[in-house]
PDB file of N, CA and C in Angstrom:
ATOM      1  N   UNK A   1     130.916  98.042 106.446  1.00  0.00           N
ATOM      2  CA  UNK A   1     130.379  98.531 107.694  1.00  0.00           C
ATOM      3  C   UNK A   1     129.118  97.743 108.011  1.00  0.00           C
ATOM      4  N   UNK A   2     129.040  97.232 109.228  1.00  0.00           N
ATOM      5  CA  UNK A   2     127.864  96.479 109.654  1.00  0.00           C
ATOM      6  C   UNK A   2     127.145  97.234 110.765  1.00  0.00           C
ATOM      7  N   UNK A   3     125.829  97.254 110.676  1.00  0.00           N
ATOM      8  CA  UNK A   3     124.994  97.911 111.679  1.00  0.00           C
ATOM      9  C   UNK A   3     124.088  96.882 112.331  1.00  0.00           C
ATOM     10  N   UNK A   4     124.293  96.684 113.624  1.00  0.00           N
ATOM     11  CA  UNK A   4     123.425  95.813 114.407  1.00  0.00           C
ATOM     12  C   UNK A   4     122.190  96.615 114.787  1.00  0.00           C
ATOM     13  N   UNK A   5     121.032  96.129 114.398  1.00  0.00           N
ATOM     14  CA  UNK A   5     119.750  96.775 114.675  1.00  0.00           C
ATOM     15  C   UNK A   5     118.977  95.947 115.693  1.00  0.00           C
ATOM     16  N   UNK A   6     118.564  96.565 116.775  1.00  0.00           N
ATOM     17  CA  UNK A   6     117.742  95.902 117.783  1.00  0.00           C
ATOM     18  C   UNK A   6     116.476  96.740 117.933  1.00  0.00           C
ATOM     19  N   UNK A   7     115.338  96.113 117.687  1.00  0.00           N
ATOM     20  CA  UNK A   7     114.073  96.831 117.572  1.00  0.00           C
ATOM     21  C   UNK A   7     113.049  96.296 118.568  1.00  0.00           C
ATOM     22  N   UNK A   8     112.368  97.206 119.237  1.00  0.00           N
ATOM     23  CA  UNK A   8     111.194  96.880 120.072  1.00  0.00           C
ATOM     24  C   UNK A   8     110.016  97.575 119.403  1.00  0.00           C
ATOM     25  N   UNK A   9     109.008  96.801 119.016  1.00  0.00           N
ATOM     26  CA  UNK A   9     107.854  97.351 118.312  1.00  0.00           C
ATOM     27  C   UNK A   9     106.840  97.975 119.261  1.00  0.00           C
ATOM     28  N   UNK A  10     106.125  98.944 118.753  1.00  0.00           N
ATOM     29  CA  UNK A  10     104.922  99.427 119.434  1.00  0.00           C
ATOM     30  C   UNK A  10     103.866  98.329 119.290  1.00  0.00           C
ATOM     31  N   UNK A  11     102.945  98.244 120.234  1.00  0.00           N
ATOM     32  CA  UNK A  11     101.833  97.302 120.075  1.00  0.00           C
ATOM     33  C   UNK A  11     101.001  97.702 118.859  1.00  0.00           C
ATOM     34  N   UNK A  12     100.703  98.986 118.751  1.00  0.00           N
ATOM     35  CA  UNK A  12      99.908  99.541 117.658  1.00  0.00           C
ATOM     36  C   UNK A  12     100.762 100.575 116.923  1.00  0.00           C
ATOM     37  N   UNK A  13     100.837 100.473 115.601  1.00  0.00           N
ATOM     38  CA  UNK A  13     101.589 101.454 114.825  1.00  0.00           C
ATOM     39  C   UNK A  13     101.013 102.843 115.066  1.00  0.00           C
ATOM     40  N   UNK A  14     101.893 103.839 115.096  1.00  0.00           N
ATOM     41  CA  UNK A  14     101.481 105.209 115.389  1.00  0.00           C
ATOM     42  C   UNK A  14     101.835 106.109 114.208  1.00  0.00           C
ATOM     43  N   UNK A  15     100.951 106.116 113.218  1.00  0.00           N
ATOM     44  CA  UNK A  15     101.111 107.001 112.063  1.00  0.00           C
ATOM     45  C   UNK A  15     100.481 108.352 112.395  1.00  0.00           C
ATOM     46  N   UNK A  16     101.007 109.429 111.831  1.00  0.00           N
ATOM     47  CA  UNK A  16     100.418 110.746 112.102  1.00  0.00           C
ATOM     48  C   UNK A  16      99.009 110.872 111.521  1.00  0.00           C
ATOM     49  N   UNK A  17      98.195 111.696 112.148  1.00  0.00           N
ATOM     50  CA  UNK A  17      96.841 111.962 111.644  1.00  0.00           C
ATOM     51  C   UNK A  17      96.931 112.421 110.193  1.00  0.00           C
ATOM     52  N   UNK A  18      96.042 111.904 109.380  1.00  0.00           N
ATOM     53  CA  UNK A  18      96.026 112.273 107.971  1.00  0.00           C
ATOM     54  C   UNK A  18      96.835 111.341 107.077  1.00  0.00           C
ATOM     55  N   UNK A  19      97.716 110.533 107.654  1.00  0.00           N
ATOM     56  CA  UNK A  19      98.475 109.574 106.850  1.00  0.00           C
ATOM     57  C   UNK A  19      97.508 108.469 106.401  1.00  0.00           C
ATOM     58  N   UNK A  20      97.656 107.956 105.188  1.00  0.00           N
ATOM     59  CA  UNK A  20      96.747 106.914 104.691  1.00  0.00           C
ATOM     60  C   UNK A  20      96.649 105.677 105.591  1.00  0.00           C
ATOM     61  N   UNK A  21      97.673 105.402 106.393  1.00  0.00           N
ATOM     62  CA  UNK A  21      97.649 104.225 107.265  1.00  0.00           C
ATOM     63  C   UNK A  21      97.309 104.558 108.713  1.00  0.00           C
ATOM     64  N   UNK A  22      96.963 105.804 108.985  1.00  0.00           N
ATOM     65  CA  UNK A  22      96.698 106.231 110.363  1.00  0.00           C
ATOM     66  C   UNK A  22      95.573 105.432 111.013  1.00  0.00           C
ATOM     67  N   UNK A  23      94.578 105.062 110.253  1.00  0.00           N
ATOM     68  CA  UNK A  23      93.436 104.326 110.801  1.00  0.00           C
ATOM     69  C   UNK A  23      93.383 102.877 110.320  1.00  0.00           C
ATOM     70  N   UNK A  24      94.511 102.366 109.839  1.00  0.00           N
ATOM     71  CA  UNK A  24      94.535 101.008 109.289  1.00  0.00           C
ATOM     72  C   UNK A  24      94.543  99.935 110.373  1.00  0.00           C
ATOM     73  N   UNK A  25      94.887 100.307 111.595  1.00  0.00           N
ATOM     74  CA  UNK A  25      94.915  99.331 112.678  1.00  0.00           C
ATOM     75  C   UNK A  25      96.119  98.408 112.647  1.00  0.00           C
ATOM     76  N   UNK A  26      97.188  98.835 111.984  1.00  0.00           N
ATOM     77  CA  UNK A  26      98.378  98.006 111.886  1.00  0.00           C
ATOM     78  C   UNK A  26      99.089  97.896 113.225  1.00  0.00           C
ATOM     79  N   UNK A  27      99.728  96.769 113.437  1.00  0.00           N
ATOM     80  CA  UNK A  27     100.626  96.606 114.581  1.00  0.00           C
ATOM     81  C   UNK A  27     101.959  97.270 114.239  1.00  0.00           C
ATOM     82  N   UNK A  28     102.782  97.449 115.260  1.00  0.00           N
ATOM     83  CA  UNK A  28     104.124  97.958 115.011  1.00  0.00           C
ATOM     84  C   UNK A  28     104.907  97.037 114.100  1.00  0.00           C
ATOM     85  N   UNK A  29     104.728  95.739 114.282  1.00  0.00           N
ATOM     86  CA  UNK A  29     105.422  94.769 113.427  1.00  0.00           C
ATOM     87  C   UNK A  29     105.007  94.936 111.965  1.00  0.00           C
ATOM     88  N   UNK A  30     103.727  95.135 111.705  1.00  0.00           N
ATOM     89  CA  UNK A  30     103.271  95.328 110.319  1.00  0.00           C
ATOM     90  C   UNK A  30     103.880  96.586 109.719  1.00  0.00           C
ATOM     91  N   UNK A  31     103.931  97.654 110.494  1.00  0.00           N
ATOM     92  CA  UNK A  31     104.514  98.902 109.989  1.00  0.00           C
ATOM     93  C   UNK A  31     106.005  98.716 109.712  1.00  0.00           C
ATOM     94  N   UNK A  32     106.704  97.970 110.583  1.00  0.00           N
ATOM     95  CA  UNK A  32     108.127  97.736 110.344  1.00  0.00           C
ATOM     96  C   UNK A  32     108.341  96.844 109.135  1.00  0.00           C
ATOM     97  N   UNK A  33     107.472  95.871 108.931  1.00  0.00           N
ATOM     98  CA  UNK A  33     107.561  95.039 107.726  1.00  0.00           C
ATOM     99  C   UNK A  33     107.431  95.889 106.469  1.00  0.00           C
ATOM    100  N   UNK A  34     106.551  96.884 106.521  1.00  0.00           N
ATOM    101  CA  UNK A  34     106.395  97.801 105.376  1.00  0.00           C
ATOM    102  C   UNK A  34     107.668  98.624 105.189  1.00  0.00           C
ATOM    103  N   UNK A  35     108.233  99.117 106.282  1.00  0.00           N
ATOM    104  CA  UNK A  35     109.499  99.854 106.218  1.00  0.00           C
ATOM    105  C   UNK A  35     110.573  98.981 105.563  1.00  0.00           C
ATOM    106  N   UNK A  36     110.701  97.757 106.016  1.00  0.00           N
ATOM    107  CA  UNK A  36     111.709  96.838 105.493  1.00  0.00           C
ATOM    108  C   UNK A  36     111.493  96.590 104.005  1.00  0.00           C
ATOM    109  N   UNK A  37     110.235  96.405 103.610  1.00  0.00           N
ATOM    110  CA  UNK A  37     109.906  96.141 102.199  1.00  0.00           C
ATOM    111  C   UNK A  37     110.359  97.287 101.310  1.00  0.00           C
ATOM    112  N   UNK A  38     110.218  98.512 101.794  1.00  0.00           N
ATOM    113  CA  UNK A  38     110.538  99.695 100.986  1.00  0.00           C
ATOM    114  C   UNK A  38     112.017 100.067 101.086  1.00  0.00           C
ATOM    115  N   UNK A  39     112.616  99.919 102.273  1.00  0.00           N
ATOM    116  CA  UNK A  39     113.994 100.383 102.449  1.00  0.00           C
ATOM    117  C   UNK A  39     115.026  99.410 101.895  1.00  0.00           C
ATOM    118  N   UNK A  40     114.748  98.119 101.924  1.00  0.00           N
ATOM    119  CA  UNK A  40     115.757  97.158 101.496  1.00  0.00           C
ATOM    120  C   UNK A  40     116.215  97.375 100.049  1.00  0.00           C
ATOM    121  N   UNK A  41     115.318  97.612  99.085  1.00  0.00           N
ATOM    122  CA  UNK A  41     115.800  97.894  97.726  1.00  0.00           C
ATOM    123  C   UNK A  41     116.646  99.169  97.649  1.00  0.00           C
ATOM    124  N   UNK A  42     116.349 100.149  98.490  1.00  0.00           N
ATOM    125  CA  UNK A  42     117.153 101.377  98.508  1.00  0.00           C
ATOM    126  C   UNK A  42     118.569 101.065  98.996  1.00  0.00           C
ATOM    127  N   UNK A  43     118.665 100.251 100.044  1.00  0.00           N
ATOM    128  CA  UNK A  43     119.972  99.877 100.588  1.00  0.00           C
ATOM    129  C   UNK A  43     120.755  99.056  99.568  1.00  0.00           C
ATOM    130  N   UNK A  44     120.074  98.127  98.918  1.00  0.00           N
ATOM    131  CA  UNK A  44     120.730  97.310  97.893  1.00  0.00           C
ATOM    132  C   UNK A  44     121.232  98.182  96.743  1.00  0.00           C
ATOM    133  N   UNK A  45     120.479  99.234  96.401  1.00  0.00           N
ATOM    134  CA  UNK A  45     120.904 100.164  95.362  1.00  0.00           C
ATOM    135  C   UNK A  45     122.159 100.939  95.719  1.00  0.00           C
ATOM    136  N   UNK A  46     122.464 101.009  97.010  1.00  0.00           N
ATOM    137  CA  UNK A  46     123.677 101.683  97.480  1.00  0.00           C
ATOM    138  C   UNK A  46     124.828 100.708  97.694  1.00  0.00           C
ATOM    139  N   UNK A  47     124.615  99.442  97.329  1.00  0.00           N
ATOM    140  CA  UNK A  47     125.663  98.438  97.460  1.00  0.00           C
ATOM    141  C   UNK A  47     125.635  97.688  98.779  1.00  0.00           C
ATOM    142  N   UNK A  48     124.593  97.895  99.580  1.00  0.00           N
ATOM    143  CA  UNK A  48     124.477  97.218 100.869  1.00  0.00           C
ATOM    144  C   UNK A  48     123.432  96.128 100.828  1.00  0.00           C
ATOM    145  N   UNK A  49     123.103  95.608 101.996  1.00  0.00           N
ATOM    146  CA  UNK A  49     122.071  94.591 102.060  1.00  0.00           C
ATOM    147  C   UNK A  49     121.998  93.950 103.425  1.00  0.00           C
ATOM    148  N   UNK A  50     121.043  93.077 103.560  1.00  0.00           N
ATOM    149  CA  UNK A  50     120.823  92.352 104.795  1.00  0.00           C
ATOM    150  C   UNK A  50     121.928  91.304 104.953  1.00  0.00           C
ATOM    151  N   UNK A  51     122.659  91.369 106.061  1.00  0.00           N
ATOM    152  CA  UNK A  51     123.759  90.444 106.336  1.00  0.00           C
ATOM    153  C   UNK A  51     123.267  89.262 107.158  1.00  0.00           C
ATOM    154  N   UNK A  52     122.424  89.546 108.150  1.00  0.00           N
ATOM    155  CA  UNK A  52     121.942  88.502 109.050  1.00  0.00           C
ATOM    156  C   UNK A  52     120.587  88.900 109.595  1.00  0.00           C
ATOM    157  N   UNK A  53     119.682  87.933 109.641  1.00  0.00           N
ATOM    158  CA  UNK A  53     118.342  88.135 110.173  1.00  0.00           C
ATOM    159  C   UNK A  53     117.854  86.781 110.663  1.00  0.00           C
ATOM    160  N   UNK A  54     117.376  86.714 111.881  1.00  0.00           N
ATOM    161  CA  UNK A  54     116.927  85.428 112.409  1.00  0.00           C
ATOM    162  C   UNK A  54     115.788  85.647 113.386  1.00  0.00           C
ATOM    163  N   UNK A  55     115.096  84.587 113.681  1.00  0.00           N
ATOM    164  CA  UNK A  55     113.993  84.628 114.629  1.00  0.00           C
ATOM    165  C   UNK A  55     114.484  84.214 116.015  1.00  0.00           C
ATOM    166  N   UNK A  56     113.923  84.833 117.025  1.00  0.00           N
ATOM    167  CA  UNK A  56     114.240  84.517 118.418  1.00  0.00           C
ATOM    168  C   UNK A  56     113.823  83.084 118.725  1.00  0.00           C
ATOM    169  N   UNK A  57     114.678  82.347 119.431  1.00  0.00           N
ATOM    170  CA  UNK A  57     114.347  80.988 119.839  1.00  0.00           C
ATOM    171  C   UNK A  57     114.196  80.871 121.353  1.00  0.00           C
ATOM    172  N   UNK A  58     115.223  81.247 122.093  1.00  0.00           N
ATOM    173  CA  UNK A  58     115.144  81.143 123.545  1.00  0.00           C
ATOM    174  C   UNK A  58     116.272  81.956 124.180  1.00  0.00           C
ATOM    175  N   UNK A  59     116.117  82.263 125.463  1.00  0.00           N
ATOM    176  CA  UNK A  59     117.137  82.983 126.217  1.00  0.00           C
ATOM    177  C   UNK A  59     117.995  81.960 126.960  1.00  0.00           C
ATOM    178  N   UNK A  60     119.287  81.955 126.677  1.00  0.00           N
ATOM    179  CA  UNK A  60     120.192  81.037 127.351  1.00  0.00           C
ATOM    180  C   UNK A  60     120.725  81.633 128.652  1.00  0.00           C
ATOM    181  N   UNK A  61     121.096  82.902 128.620  1.00  0.00           N
ATOM    182  CA  UNK A  61     121.481  83.626 129.826  1.00  0.00           C
ATOM    183  C   UNK A  61     120.851  85.004 129.757  1.00  0.00           C
ATOM    184  N   UNK A  62     120.466  85.539 130.875  1.00  0.00           N
ATOM    185  CA  UNK A  62     119.839  86.857 130.893  1.00  0.00           C
ATOM    186  C   UNK A  62     118.398  86.766 131.349  1.00  0.00           C
ATOM    187  N   UNK A  63     117.651  87.854 131.144  1.00  0.00           N
ATOM    188  CA  UNK A  63     116.258  87.876 131.591  1.00  0.00           C
ATOM    189  C   UNK A  63     115.410  86.831 130.865  1.00  0.00           C
ATOM    190  N   UNK A  64     114.310  86.446 131.491  1.00  0.00           N
ATOM    191  CA  UNK A  64     113.456  85.397 130.929  1.00  0.00           C
ATOM    192  C   UNK A  64     112.873  85.772 129.580  1.00  0.00           C
ATOM    193  N   UNK A  65     112.534  87.030 129.415  1.00  0.00           N
ATOM    194  CA  UNK A  65     111.933  87.481 128.161  1.00  0.00           C
ATOM    195  C   UNK A  65     112.922  88.328 127.370  1.00  0.00           C
ATOM    196  N   UNK A  66     112.920  88.194 126.056  1.00  0.00           N
ATOM    197  CA  UNK A  66     113.835  89.012 125.249  1.00  0.00           C
ATOM    198  C   UNK A  66     113.436  90.487 125.307  1.00  0.00           C
ATOM    199  N   UNK A  67     114.441  91.341 125.238  1.00  0.00           N
ATOM    200  CA  UNK A  67     114.195  92.783 125.268  1.00  0.00           C
ATOM    201  C   UNK A  67     113.786  93.313 123.896  1.00  0.00           C
ATOM    202  N   UNK A  68     114.180  92.609 122.838  1.00  0.00           N
ATOM    203  CA  UNK A  68     113.986  93.104 121.478  1.00  0.00           C
ATOM    204  C   UNK A  68     113.091  92.163 120.686  1.00  0.00           C
ATOM    205  N   UNK A  69     112.233  92.736 119.845  1.00  0.00           N
ATOM    206  CA  UNK A  69     111.341  91.955 118.985  1.00  0.00           C
ATOM    207  C   UNK A  69     112.015  91.516 117.695  1.00  0.00           C
ATOM    208  N   UNK A  70     112.965  92.315 117.220  1.00  0.00           N
ATOM    209  CA  UNK A  70     113.651  92.011 115.964  1.00  0.00           C
ATOM    210  C   UNK A  70     115.107  92.446 116.100  1.00  0.00           C
ATOM    211  N   UNK A  71     116.003  91.548 115.690  1.00  0.00           N
ATOM    212  CA  UNK A  71     117.434  91.839 115.693  1.00  0.00           C
ATOM    213  C   UNK A  71     117.981  91.404 114.344  1.00  0.00           C
ATOM    214  N   UNK A  72     118.726  92.299 113.695  1.00  0.00           N
ATOM    215  CA  UNK A  72     119.305  91.970 112.401  1.00  0.00           C
ATOM    216  C   UNK A  72     120.549  92.819 112.171  1.00  0.00           C
ATOM    217  N   UNK A  73     121.335  92.426 111.190  1.00  0.00           N
ATOM    218  CA  UNK A  73     122.532  93.168 110.807  1.00  0.00           C
ATOM    219  C   UNK A  73     122.378  93.597 109.357  1.00  0.00           C
ATOM    220  N   UNK A  74     122.555  94.899 109.129  1.00  0.00           N
ATOM    221  CA  UNK A  74     122.516  95.459 107.782  1.00  0.00           C
ATOM    222  C   UNK A  74     123.933  95.876 107.415  1.00  0.00           C
ATOM    223  N   UNK A  75     124.342  95.565 106.210  1.00  0.00           N
ATOM    224  CA  UNK A  75     125.678  95.922 105.749  1.00  0.00           C
ATOM    225  C   UNK A  75     125.639  97.058 104.738  1.00  0.00           C
ATOM    226  N   UNK A  76     126.607  97.919 104.826  1.00  0.00           N
ATOM    227  CA  UNK A  76     126.815  99.014 103.877  1.00  0.00           C
ATOM    228  C   UNK A  76     128.274  99.000 103.460  1.00  0.00           C
ATOM    229  N   UNK A  77     128.568  99.402 102.222  1.00  0.00           N
ATOM    230  CA  UNK A  77     129.972  99.405 101.797  1.00  0.00           C
ATOM    231  C   UNK A  77     130.829 100.368 102.628  1.00  0.00           C
ATOM    232  N   UNK A  78     130.213 101.459 103.101  1.00  0.00           N
ATOM    233  CA  UNK A  78     130.941 102.436 103.911  1.00  0.00           C
ATOM    234  C   UNK A  78     129.937 103.397 104.551  1.00  0.00           C
ATOM    235  N   UNK A  79     130.441 104.276 105.393  1.00  0.00           N
ATOM    236  CA  UNK A  79     129.576 105.227 106.089  1.00  0.00           C
ATOM    237  C   UNK A  79     128.899 106.186 105.115  1.00  0.00           C
ATOM    238  N   UNK A  80     129.556 106.501 104.019  1.00  0.00           N
ATOM    239  CA  UNK A  80     128.967 107.406 103.032  1.00  0.00           C
ATOM    240  C   UNK A  80     127.694 106.813 102.433  1.00  0.00           C
ATOM    241  N   UNK A  81     127.659 105.503 102.230  1.00  0.00           N
ATOM    242  CA  UNK A  81     126.462 104.861 101.691  1.00  0.00           C
ATOM    243  C   UNK A  81     125.316 104.946 102.694  1.00  0.00           C
ATOM    244  N   UNK A  82     125.614 104.734 103.978  1.00  0.00           N
ATOM    245  CA  UNK A  82     124.579 104.869 105.003  1.00  0.00           C
ATOM    246  C   UNK A  82     124.062 106.304 105.051  1.00  0.00           C
ATOM    247  N   UNK A  83     124.964 107.272 105.016  1.00  0.00           N
ATOM    248  CA  UNK A  83     124.550 108.679 105.043  1.00  0.00           C
ATOM    249  C   UNK A  83     123.736 109.039 103.801  1.00  0.00           C
ATOM    250  N   UNK A  84     124.075 108.440 102.660  1.00  0.00           N
ATOM    251  CA  UNK A  84     123.295 108.684 101.439  1.00  0.00           C
ATOM    252  C   UNK A  84     121.858 108.200 101.628  1.00  0.00           C
ATOM    253  N   UNK A  85     121.690 107.071 102.320  1.00  0.00           N
ATOM    254  CA  UNK A  85     120.344 106.565 102.574  1.00  0.00           C
ATOM    255  C   UNK A  85     119.561 107.520 103.469  1.00  0.00           C
ATOM    256  N   UNK A  86     120.102 107.838 104.627  1.00  0.00           N
ATOM    257  CA  UNK A  86     119.324 108.589 105.618  1.00  0.00           C
ATOM    258  C   UNK A  86     119.135 110.056 105.254  1.00  0.00           C
ATOM    259  N   UNK A  87     119.870 110.542 104.266  1.00  0.00           N
ATOM    260  CA  UNK A  87     119.676 111.920 103.804  1.00  0.00           C
ATOM    261  C   UNK A  87     118.908 111.989 102.489  1.00  0.00           C
ATOM    262  N   UNK A  88     118.567 110.839 101.922  1.00  0.00           N
ATOM    263  CA  UNK A  88     117.819 110.780 100.669  1.00  0.00           C
ATOM    264  C   UNK A  88     116.427 111.402 100.854  1.00  0.00           C
ATOM    265  N   UNK A  89     116.027 112.253  99.941  1.00  0.00           N
ATOM    266  CA  UNK A  89     114.737 112.951 100.050  1.00  0.00           C
ATOM    267  C   UNK A  89     113.564 111.970 100.087  1.00  0.00           C
ATOM    268  N   UNK A  90     113.589 110.942  99.248  1.00  0.00           N
ATOM    269  CA  UNK A  90     112.491 109.971  99.228  1.00  0.00           C
ATOM    270  C   UNK A  90     112.452 109.174 100.537  1.00  0.00           C
ATOM    271  N   UNK A  91     113.620 108.833 101.066  1.00  0.00           N
ATOM    272  CA  UNK A  91     113.675 108.120 102.347  1.00  0.00           C
ATOM    273  C   UNK A  91     113.032 108.962 103.440  1.00  0.00           C
ATOM    274  N   UNK A  92     113.402 110.228 103.488  1.00  0.00           N
ATOM    275  CA  UNK A  92     112.864 111.110 104.533  1.00  0.00           C
ATOM    276  C   UNK A  92     111.378 111.393 104.338  1.00  0.00           C
ATOM    277  N   UNK A  93     110.928 111.467 103.100  1.00  0.00           N
ATOM    278  CA  UNK A  93     109.529 111.832 102.832  1.00  0.00           C
ATOM    279  C   UNK A  93     108.573 110.650 102.866  1.00  0.00           C
ATOM    280  N   UNK A  94     109.032 109.464 102.458  1.00  0.00           N
ATOM    281  CA  UNK A  94     108.092 108.359 102.240  1.00  0.00           C
ATOM    282  C   UNK A  94     108.410 107.071 102.992  1.00  0.00           C
ATOM    283  N   UNK A  95     109.629 106.922 103.499  1.00  0.00           N
ATOM    284  CA  UNK A  95     110.040 105.635 104.043  1.00  0.00           C
ATOM    285  C   UNK A  95     110.166 105.655 105.567  1.00  0.00           C
ATOM    286  N   UNK A  96     110.868 106.623 106.102  1.00  0.00           N
ATOM    287  CA  UNK A  96     111.148 106.645 107.540  1.00  0.00           C
ATOM    288  C   UNK A  96     109.864 106.707 108.373  1.00  0.00           C
ATOM    289  N   UNK A  97     108.806 107.199 107.792  1.00  0.00           N
ATOM    290  CA  UNK A  97     107.536 107.298 108.524  1.00  0.00           C
ATOM    291  C   UNK A  97     107.061 105.923 109.005  1.00  0.00           C
ATOM    292  N   UNK A  98     107.333 104.877 108.232  1.00  0.00           N
ATOM    293  CA  UNK A  98     106.925 103.524 108.631  1.00  0.00           C
ATOM    294  C   UNK A  98     107.748 103.038 109.830  1.00  0.00           C
ATOM    295  N   UNK A  99     109.039 103.352 109.828  1.00  0.00           N
ATOM    296  CA  UNK A  99     109.887 102.968 110.957  1.00  0.00           C
ATOM    297  C   UNK A  99     109.455 103.719 112.218  1.00  0.00           C
ATOM    298  N   UNK A 100     109.224 104.995 112.066  1.00  0.00           N
ATOM    299  CA  UNK A 100     108.804 105.816 113.209  1.00  0.00           C
ATOM    300  C   UNK A 100     107.483 105.315 113.775  1.00  0.00           C
ATOM    301  N   UNK A 101     106.552 104.960 112.906  1.00  0.00           N
ATOM    302  CA  UNK A 101     105.250 104.444 113.350  1.00  0.00           C
ATOM    303  C   UNK A 101     105.397 103.107 114.060  1.00  0.00           C
ATOM    304  N   UNK A 102     106.389 102.331 113.681  1.00  0.00           N
ATOM    305  CA  UNK A 102     106.551 100.960 114.169  1.00  0.00           C
ATOM    306  C   UNK A 102     107.298 100.837 115.485  1.00  0.00           C
ATOM    307  N   UNK A 103     108.304 101.677 115.694  1.00  0.00           N
ATOM    308  CA  UNK A 103     109.314 101.422 116.719  1.00  0.00           C
ATOM    309  C   UNK A 103     109.032 102.160 118.026  1.00  0.00           C
ATOM    310  N   UNK A 104     109.011 101.386 119.101  1.00  0.00           N
ATOM    311  CA  UNK A 104     108.897 101.951 120.448  1.00  0.00           C
ATOM    312  C   UNK A 104     110.279 102.283 121.003  1.00  0.00           C
ATOM    313  N   UNK A 105     111.259 101.424 120.730  1.00  0.00           N
ATOM    314  CA  UNK A 105     112.623 101.625 121.205  1.00  0.00           C
ATOM    315  C   UNK A 105     113.555 100.889 120.251  1.00  0.00           C
ATOM    316  N   UNK A 106     114.788 101.361 120.155  1.00  0.00           N
ATOM    317  CA  UNK A 106     115.732 100.694 119.259  1.00  0.00           C
ATOM    318  C   UNK A 106     117.160 101.046 119.632  1.00  0.00           C
ATOM    319  N   UNK A 107     118.072 100.253 119.116  1.00  0.00           N
ATOM    320  CA  UNK A 107     119.499 100.514 119.206  1.00  0.00           C
ATOM    321  C   UNK A 107     120.075 100.254 117.820  1.00  0.00           C
ATOM    322  N   UNK A 108     120.989 101.101 117.412  1.00  0.00           N
ATOM    323  CA  UNK A 108     121.718 100.934 116.149  1.00  0.00           C
ATOM    324  C   UNK A 108     123.194 101.038 116.496  1.00  0.00           C
ATOM    325  N   UNK A 109     123.913  99.933 116.328  1.00  0.00           N
ATOM    326  CA  UNK A 109     125.302  99.852 116.761  1.00  0.00           C
ATOM    327  C   UNK A 109     126.168  99.527 115.555  1.00  0.00           C
ATOM    328  N   UNK A 110     127.183 100.367 115.328  1.00  0.00           N
ATOM    329  CA  UNK A 110     128.075 100.166 114.187  1.00  0.00           C
ATOM    330  C   UNK A 110     129.240  99.267 114.580  1.00  0.00           C
ATOM    331  N   UNK A 111     129.519  98.305 113.701  1.00  0.00           N
ATOM    332  CA  UNK A 111     130.661  97.419 113.854  1.00  0.00           C
ATOM    333  C   UNK A 111     131.479  97.463 112.568  1.00  0.00           C
ATOM    334  N   UNK A 112     132.793  97.378 112.679  1.00  0.00           N
ATOM    335  CA  UNK A 112     133.640  97.292 111.498  1.00  0.00           C
ATOM    336  C   UNK A 112     133.510  95.884 110.929  1.00  0.00           C
ATOM    337  N   UNK A 113     133.462  95.794 109.616  1.00  0.00           N
ATOM    338  CA  UNK A 113     133.331  94.479 108.966  1.00  0.00           C
ATOM    339  C   UNK A 113     134.694  93.849 108.785  1.00  0.00           C
TER     340      UNK A 113
END
């Protein structure tokens, strides 16, 4: 199972009051980098991993500016592995907060591998 992720970052990360990073002054990109650093080993532990990740170069057709700051494909062996990630207690308590702080808008689209 492949998941196409399209992410638009907040200019400034939005951590809840009282969180250790609430006053760190991180950008949305920095907060998402932290999310990626922590979540990727969890995904790999479930048999998944990063399938494709690249940097934006230019728009060939469409609007002049890209709509998304980061686009990547994450692979999972099956839907059960993805559900195991998003229902994991540690993911919900310690990891998703970085994604929430980072992301202004996003799309997650499932494709069959």
